[in-house]
Amino acid sequence: MRVVVVGAGLAGLAAARELATEHEVLVLDKGRSVGGRLATRRIGAARLDHGAQFFTVRGDAFRAQTDDWLARDVARVWCHGFHGRTDGYPRYVGTEGMNSLAKDLARGLDVRCSALVFTLRRDAGGWSVITDDAHIERADAVVLTCPIPQSWALLMESDVAPPDALLAHEYERTIALLAVLDRPSAVPEPGGVQFDAHDESAAFAFVADHRMRGVSPIPAITCNATVPWSAANWERPTDDLRVEMLARAAAWIGDAQVLEAQVKKWRFATPTAIWPEPCWTAPDVPLVLAGDAFAGPKVEGAFNSGLAAAAAIRSFA
């Protein structure tokens, strides 16, 4: 089969790698690089993760992938807990940032970035995947791994409708501050501080020092706002957000001077509910929806959902 995967985040890349051993696979993504929320940004000499900051491992499938990354120095252990407490679970990071994990999975795949899919159409010959510049890719099967509202919008011109219960899923938003510093921050070892993401009294949900994490060669931090604060301030101008977030981050910046600061908004940061199955397959139609809204909002959940999507597509071969 010829399979088109929409979305080059972890779920999409995991599905594509599994399917590419047997089928012709094309991955399309609207972004400039692969990874989705496995996002790493360079600001001068600094390297900052501004999506997922680490990942953990629970299941065998993702453990096998992680062991491979560790053996090839694509990933490494960062720490075993925060606030001076350990729980026995390693927190892993990409050796050159979280995006390096996605780039590794994308090796050897036909991935086309800056390709915005506009709509999907069905006919007797299969699928037409139409991009915003009117280019058409033909496919026998399609895997959609973008957030559910975006996947639903792509299906408006098709004869496939996901269940209402799935379409009702919503996402929490996150606003992140990225700051490059002239000297070490005041973030304590191991370079991460975690709070309740829904605590309205907290300044941030997570603060990461990227030099302490071993990702950046120079001091740089990311501060992820809490869910309530992000929702309440979503529509404010970026310049205003940067000023206020820098003030809120003063305790973590310490006596360092901020060399440059940027703000990143994640509209679909975290699903508020998880579908009971690791993916959704359209009845009798070679179409699968996958992503972190299915097998869980963590990195491992996205990976496992991608594997489930690949298995579902194979059933149509």
Protein backbone atom coordinates (compact mmCIF):
# COMPACT_ATOMS: atom_id res chain seq x y z
CA MET A 1 0.00 0.00 0.00
CA ARG A 2 0.90 3.66 -0.28
CA VAL A 3 0.34 5.25 3.12
CA VAL A 4 0.30 8.97 3.89
CA VAL A 5 0.93 9.93 7.50
CA VAL A 6 -0.16 13.45 8.46
CA GLY A 7 1.94 14.80 11.31
CA ALA A 8 5.65 14.25 11.97
CA GLY A 9 5.42 14.19 15.75
CA LEU A 10 6.39 11.11 17.70
CA ALA A 11 3.17 9.20 16.94
CA GLY A 12 3.40 9.87 13.22
CA LEU A 13 7.08 8.97 12.99
CA ALA A 14 6.63 5.79 15.03
CA ALA A 15 3.80 4.71 12.73
CA ALA A 16 5.77 5.61 9.62
CA ARG A 17 8.87 3.65 10.68
CA GLU A 18 6.79 0.56 11.39
CA LEU A 19 4.91 0.75 8.09
CA ALA A 20 7.93 1.66 5.94
CA THR A 21 9.31 -1.88 6.33
CA GLU A 22 6.43 -3.18 4.19
CA HIS A 23 4.76 -0.26 2.42
CA GLU A 24 5.49 3.01 0.64
CA VAL A 25 5.11 5.75 3.26
CA LEU A 26 5.02 9.53 2.96
CA VAL A 27 4.94 11.79 6.03
CA LEU A 28 3.58 15.34 5.70
CA ASP A 29 3.92 18.02 8.36
CA LYS A 30 3.06 21.71 8.36
CA GLY A 31 6.03 22.61 10.56
CA ARG A 32 9.52 23.53 9.48
CA SER A 33 10.98 20.48 11.24
CA VAL A 34 9.87 17.12 12.52
CA GLY A 35 9.02 16.53 16.15
CA GLY A 36 5.78 18.26 17.07
CA ARG A 37 6.05 18.92 20.81
CA LEU A 38 9.47 17.28 20.79
CA ALA A 39 10.63 20.79 20.04
CA THR A 40 14.13 22.23 20.42
CA ARG A 41 14.99 25.81 19.53
CA ARG A 42 18.39 27.41 19.03
CA ILE A 43 18.82 30.98 20.22
CA GLY A 44 22.37 32.00 19.44
CA ALA A 45 24.66 29.41 21.05
CA ALA A 46 21.91 28.21 23.38
CA ARG A 47 19.75 25.13 22.82
CA LEU A 48 16.35 25.08 24.54
CA ASP A 49 13.57 22.49 24.66
CA HIS A 50 10.25 24.30 24.68
CA GLY A 51 7.81 21.40 24.45
CA ALA A 52 8.37 18.11 26.27
CA GLN A 53 11.28 18.41 28.72
CA PHE A 54 11.90 14.72 29.43
CA PHE A 55 10.36 11.28 29.07
CA THR A 56 9.94 8.17 31.17
CA VAL A 57 9.57 4.52 30.21
CA ARG A 58 7.07 1.98 31.50
CA GLY A 59 6.33 -0.50 28.69
CA ASP A 60 8.45 -2.98 26.75
CA ALA A 61 7.99 -1.45 23.29
CA PHE A 62 9.18 2.01 24.28
CA ARG A 63 11.90 0.52 26.47
CA ALA A 64 13.35 -1.25 23.43
CA GLN A 65 13.36 2.03 21.51
CA THR A 66 14.90 3.88 24.45
CA ASP A 67 17.61 1.23 24.90
CA ASP A 68 18.52 1.71 21.25
CA TRP A 69 18.72 5.49 21.72
CA LEU A 70 20.88 5.05 24.82
CA ALA A 71 23.23 2.67 23.03
CA ARG A 72 23.74 5.18 20.22
CA ASP A 73 23.93 8.24 22.54
CA VAL A 74 20.76 9.73 21.06
CA ALA A 75 19.26 9.88 24.55
CA ARG A 76 20.65 9.78 28.09
CA VAL A 77 19.45 9.70 31.68
CA TRP A 78 18.91 13.17 33.11
CA CYS A 79 17.70 12.52 36.67
CA HIS A 80 15.47 10.34 38.87
CA GLY A 81 13.20 12.99 40.37
CA PHE A 82 12.90 16.63 41.41
CA HIS A 83 12.96 18.72 44.58
CA GLY A 84 15.64 16.48 46.08
CA ARG A 85 13.40 13.41 45.95
CA THR A 86 13.90 10.30 43.82
CA ASP A 87 11.29 7.73 42.86
CA GLY A 88 13.44 5.19 41.04
CA TYR A 89 12.24 6.16 37.56
CA PRO A 90 14.85 7.65 35.22
CA ARG A 91 13.91 10.83 33.39
CA TYR A 92 15.49 10.72 29.94
CA VAL A 93 16.35 13.56 27.57
CA GLY A 94 17.54 13.78 24.00
CA THR A 95 21.30 14.23 24.04
CA GLU A 96 21.03 17.27 21.76
CA GLY A 97 17.53 18.22 22.84
CA MET A 98 14.22 16.41 22.65
CA ASN A 99 13.92 17.12 18.95
CA SER A 100 16.92 14.87 18.33
CA LEU A 101 14.70 11.88 19.15
CA ALA A 102 12.29 12.81 16.37
CA LYS A 103 15.11 13.46 13.92
CA ASP A 104 16.48 10.02 14.66
CA LEU A 105 13.14 8.34 13.97
CA ALA A 106 12.80 10.32 10.75
CA ARG A 107 16.09 9.04 9.30
CA GLY A 108 15.50 7.24 6.02
CA LEU A 109 11.81 8.16 5.83
CA ASP A 110 10.20 10.29 3.13
CA VAL A 111 9.25 13.27 5.31
CA ARG A 112 8.13 16.57 3.80
CA CYS A 113 7.94 19.53 6.16
CA SER A 114 6.25 22.88 5.47
CA ALA A 115 3.50 20.81 3.82
CA LEU A 116 0.14 21.93 5.20
CA VAL A 117 -2.59 19.38 4.50
CA PHE A 118 -5.83 21.18 3.66
CA THR A 119 -8.35 18.37 3.25
CA LEU A 120 -8.87 14.66 2.55
CA ARG A 121 -11.22 13.21 -0.04
CA ARG A 122 -12.33 9.66 -0.71
CA ASP A 123 -13.08 8.02 -4.02
CA ALA A 124 -13.11 4.54 -5.48
CA GLY A 125 -9.33 4.56 -5.80
CA GLY A 126 -8.60 5.46 -2.20
CA TRP A 127 -7.61 8.80 -0.72
CA SER A 128 -6.64 12.17 -2.12
CA VAL A 129 -4.54 14.13 0.37
CA ILE A 130 -4.69 17.76 -0.71
CA THR A 131 -2.26 20.39 0.57
CA ASP A 132 -2.92 24.11 0.84
CA ASP A 133 -1.11 24.75 -2.47
CA ALA A 134 -3.55 22.37 -4.23
CA HIS A 135 -0.97 19.59 -4.56
CA ILE A 136 -2.54 16.12 -4.39
CA GLU A 137 -0.95 13.00 -2.94
CA ARG A 138 -2.72 9.73 -3.64
CA ALA A 139 -2.89 7.12 -0.90
CA ASP A 140 -4.39 3.72 -0.19
CA ALA A 141 -4.41 4.44 3.53
CA VAL A 142 -4.03 7.48 5.79
CA VAL A 143 -2.83 7.96 9.37
CA LEU A 144 -3.76 11.26 11.04
CA THR A 145 -1.68 12.13 14.11
CA CYS A 146 -2.42 15.84 14.46
CA PRO A 147 -4.63 17.05 17.36
CA ILE A 148 -8.18 15.70 17.11
CA PRO A 149 -9.84 19.03 16.15
CA GLN A 150 -7.39 19.38 13.26
CA SER A 151 -7.92 15.78 12.15
CA TRP A 152 -11.68 16.28 12.22
CA ALA A 153 -11.37 19.42 10.07
CA LEU A 154 -9.34 17.48 7.48
CA LEU A 155 -12.15 14.92 7.19
CA MET A 156 -14.95 17.41 6.51
CA GLU A 157 -14.94 16.64 2.77
CA SER A 158 -14.71 12.88 3.22
CA ASP A 159 -17.36 10.30 4.04
CA VAL A 160 -15.71 9.46 7.36
CA ALA A 161 -16.88 10.95 10.65
CA PRO A 162 -15.13 10.11 13.95
CA PRO A 163 -17.48 9.43 16.88
CA ASP A 164 -18.91 12.43 18.70
CA ALA A 165 -17.30 11.31 21.95
CA LEU A 166 -13.90 11.58 20.32
CA LEU A 167 -14.62 14.97 18.78
CA ALA A 168 -15.63 16.28 22.19
CA HIS A 169 -12.07 15.92 23.50
CA GLU A 170 -10.48 19.24 24.39
CA TYR A 171 -6.89 20.35 24.92
CA GLU A 172 -5.18 22.48 27.53
CA ARG A 173 -3.00 25.35 26.37
CA THR A 174 0.51 26.18 27.51
CA ILE A 175 2.54 29.36 27.18
CA ALA A 176 6.30 28.91 27.50
CA LEU A 177 9.04 31.46 28.19
CA LEU A 178 12.49 30.79 26.73
CA ALA A 179 15.36 32.84 28.13
CA VAL A 180 19.10 32.85 27.43
CA LEU A 181 21.22 34.03 30.37
CA ASP A 182 24.72 35.47 30.79
CA ARG A 183 25.51 33.26 33.80
CA PRO A 184 24.05 30.24 35.63
CA SER A 185 20.41 30.40 36.70
CA ALA A 186 19.04 29.90 40.20
CA VAL A 187 17.28 26.66 39.26
CA PRO A 188 18.40 23.96 41.74
CA GLU A 189 19.86 20.58 40.86
CA PRO A 190 19.13 18.58 38.76
CA GLY A 191 18.01 21.50 36.60
CA GLY A 192 14.26 21.04 36.83
CA VAL A 193 11.49 22.22 39.15
CA GLN A 194 7.98 20.76 38.79
CA PHE A 195 4.68 22.03 40.21
CA ASP A 196 0.99 21.24 39.84
CA ALA A 197 0.09 22.41 36.34
CA HIS A 198 -3.43 23.34 37.52
CA ASP A 199 -2.42 25.28 40.63
CA GLU A 200 -3.72 28.80 40.19
CA SER A 201 -1.28 30.10 42.81
CA ALA A 202 1.85 28.72 41.14
CA ALA A 203 3.94 30.91 38.86
CA PHE A 204 4.90 28.04 36.55
CA ALA A 205 4.19 24.36 36.07
CA PHE A 206 7.76 23.46 35.12
CA VAL A 207 11.09 25.27 35.00
CA ALA A 208 14.08 23.70 33.24
CA ASP A 209 17.72 24.77 33.12
CA HIS A 210 19.06 23.44 29.83
CA ARG A 211 22.73 23.64 30.64
CA MET A 212 22.16 21.60 33.80
CA ARG A 213 20.12 19.15 31.71
CA GLY A 214 23.15 18.79 29.43
CA VAL A 215 21.30 20.12 26.39
CA SER A 216 22.66 23.67 26.06
CA PRO A 217 26.33 24.71 26.12
CA ILE A 218 25.40 28.04 27.76
CA PRO A 219 22.86 28.98 30.48
CA ALA A 220 19.26 28.98 29.23
CA ILE A 221 15.91 28.21 30.83
CA THR A 222 12.36 27.34 29.80
CA CYS A 223 9.43 28.24 32.07
CA ASN A 224 6.10 26.61 31.23
CA ALA A 225 3.11 28.53 32.57
CA THR A 226 0.35 26.74 34.43
CA VAL A 227 -2.83 25.72 32.63
CA PRO A 228 -5.04 28.37 34.31
CA TRP A 229 -2.56 31.18 33.64
CA SER A 230 -2.05 30.11 30.03
CA ALA A 231 -5.80 30.04 29.40
CA ALA A 232 -6.38 33.43 31.05
CA ASN A 233 -3.55 35.15 29.17
CA TRP A 234 -3.71 33.40 25.81
CA GLU A 235 -4.93 36.38 23.79
CA ARG A 236 -2.45 38.91 25.19
CA PRO A 237 0.27 40.34 22.91
CA THR A 238 3.52 38.39 22.91
CA ASP A 239 5.56 41.40 24.05
CA ASP A 240 3.34 41.83 27.12
CA LEU A 241 3.57 38.14 27.93
CA ARG A 242 7.35 38.19 27.69
CA VAL A 243 7.66 41.10 30.12
CA GLU A 244 5.31 39.57 32.69
CA MET A 245 6.72 36.06 32.43
CA LEU A 246 10.27 37.37 32.92
CA ALA A 247 9.09 39.11 36.08
CA ARG A 248 7.39 35.91 37.29
CA ALA A 249 10.60 33.97 36.57
CA ALA A 250 12.85 36.28 38.59
CA ALA A 251 13.37 33.70 41.34
CA TRP A 252 14.70 31.19 38.80
CA ILE A 253 16.77 33.70 36.83
CA GLY A 254 18.53 34.84 40.00
CA ASP A 255 21.28 37.41 39.48
CA ALA A 256 21.78 36.49 35.82
CA GLN A 257 21.06 38.96 33.05
CA VAL A 258 18.67 37.95 30.30
CA LEU A 259 20.42 38.11 26.93
CA GLU A 260 17.34 37.18 24.89
CA ALA A 261 13.82 35.99 25.68
CA GLN A 262 11.08 34.52 23.50
CA VAL A 263 7.54 33.28 24.06
CA LYS A 264 6.08 30.11 22.54
CA LYS A 265 2.38 29.22 22.60
CA TRP A 266 1.15 25.61 22.44
CA ARG A 267 -2.54 25.64 21.46
CA PHE A 268 -2.92 21.84 21.75
CA ALA A 269 -0.50 21.13 24.57
CA THR A 270 -2.25 18.42 26.60
CA PRO A 271 -5.48 16.47 25.94
CA THR A 272 -7.96 16.74 28.80
CA ALA A 273 -9.29 13.21 28.24
CA ILE A 274 -7.81 10.01 26.85
CA TRP A 275 -9.60 7.74 24.38
CA PRO A 276 -9.92 4.18 25.77
CA GLU A 277 -8.09 2.65 22.80
CA PRO A 278 -4.53 3.47 21.61
CA CYS A 279 -5.89 4.69 18.26
CA TRP A 280 -9.19 5.00 16.40
CA THR A 281 -9.78 3.12 13.14
CA ALA A 282 -12.61 4.12 10.81
CA PRO A 283 -15.01 1.19 10.26
CA ASP A 284 -14.09 -0.63 7.03
CA VAL A 285 -12.02 2.35 5.84
CA PRO A 286 -8.19 2.51 5.78
CA LEU A 287 -7.99 5.55 8.03
CA VAL A 288 -6.54 5.71 11.55
CA LEU A 289 -6.37 8.56 14.07
CA ALA A 290 -3.53 8.42 16.57
CA GLY A 291 -1.55 10.60 18.95
CA ASP A 292 -1.24 11.47 22.62
CA ALA A 293 -5.02 11.79 23.03
CA PHE A 294 -5.22 8.01 22.62
CA ALA A 295 -2.49 6.14 24.48
CA GLY A 296 -1.72 8.90 26.96
CA PRO A 297 -0.38 12.48 26.98
CA LYS A 298 3.22 11.51 27.71
CA VAL A 299 5.99 10.84 25.20
CA GLU A 300 5.58 7.09 25.59
CA GLY A 301 1.84 7.35 24.97
CA ALA A 302 2.39 9.08 21.63
CA PHE A 303 4.94 6.43 20.62
CA ASN A 304 2.63 3.55 21.56
CA SER A 305 -0.28 5.15 19.72
CA GLY A 306 1.87 5.32 16.59
CA LEU A 307 2.67 1.62 16.86
CA ALA A 308 -1.03 0.82 17.30
CA ALA A 309 -1.88 2.90 14.22
CA ALA A 310 0.66 0.96 12.15
CA ALA A 311 -0.86 -2.33 13.29
CA ALA A 312 -4.33 -1.07 12.38
CA ILE A 313 -3.21 -0.06 8.88
CA ARG A 314 -1.58 -3.45 8.33
CA SER A 315 -4.96 -5.09 8.81
CA PHE A 316 -6.10 -3.48 5.54
CA ALA A 317 -3.18 -4.82 3.49
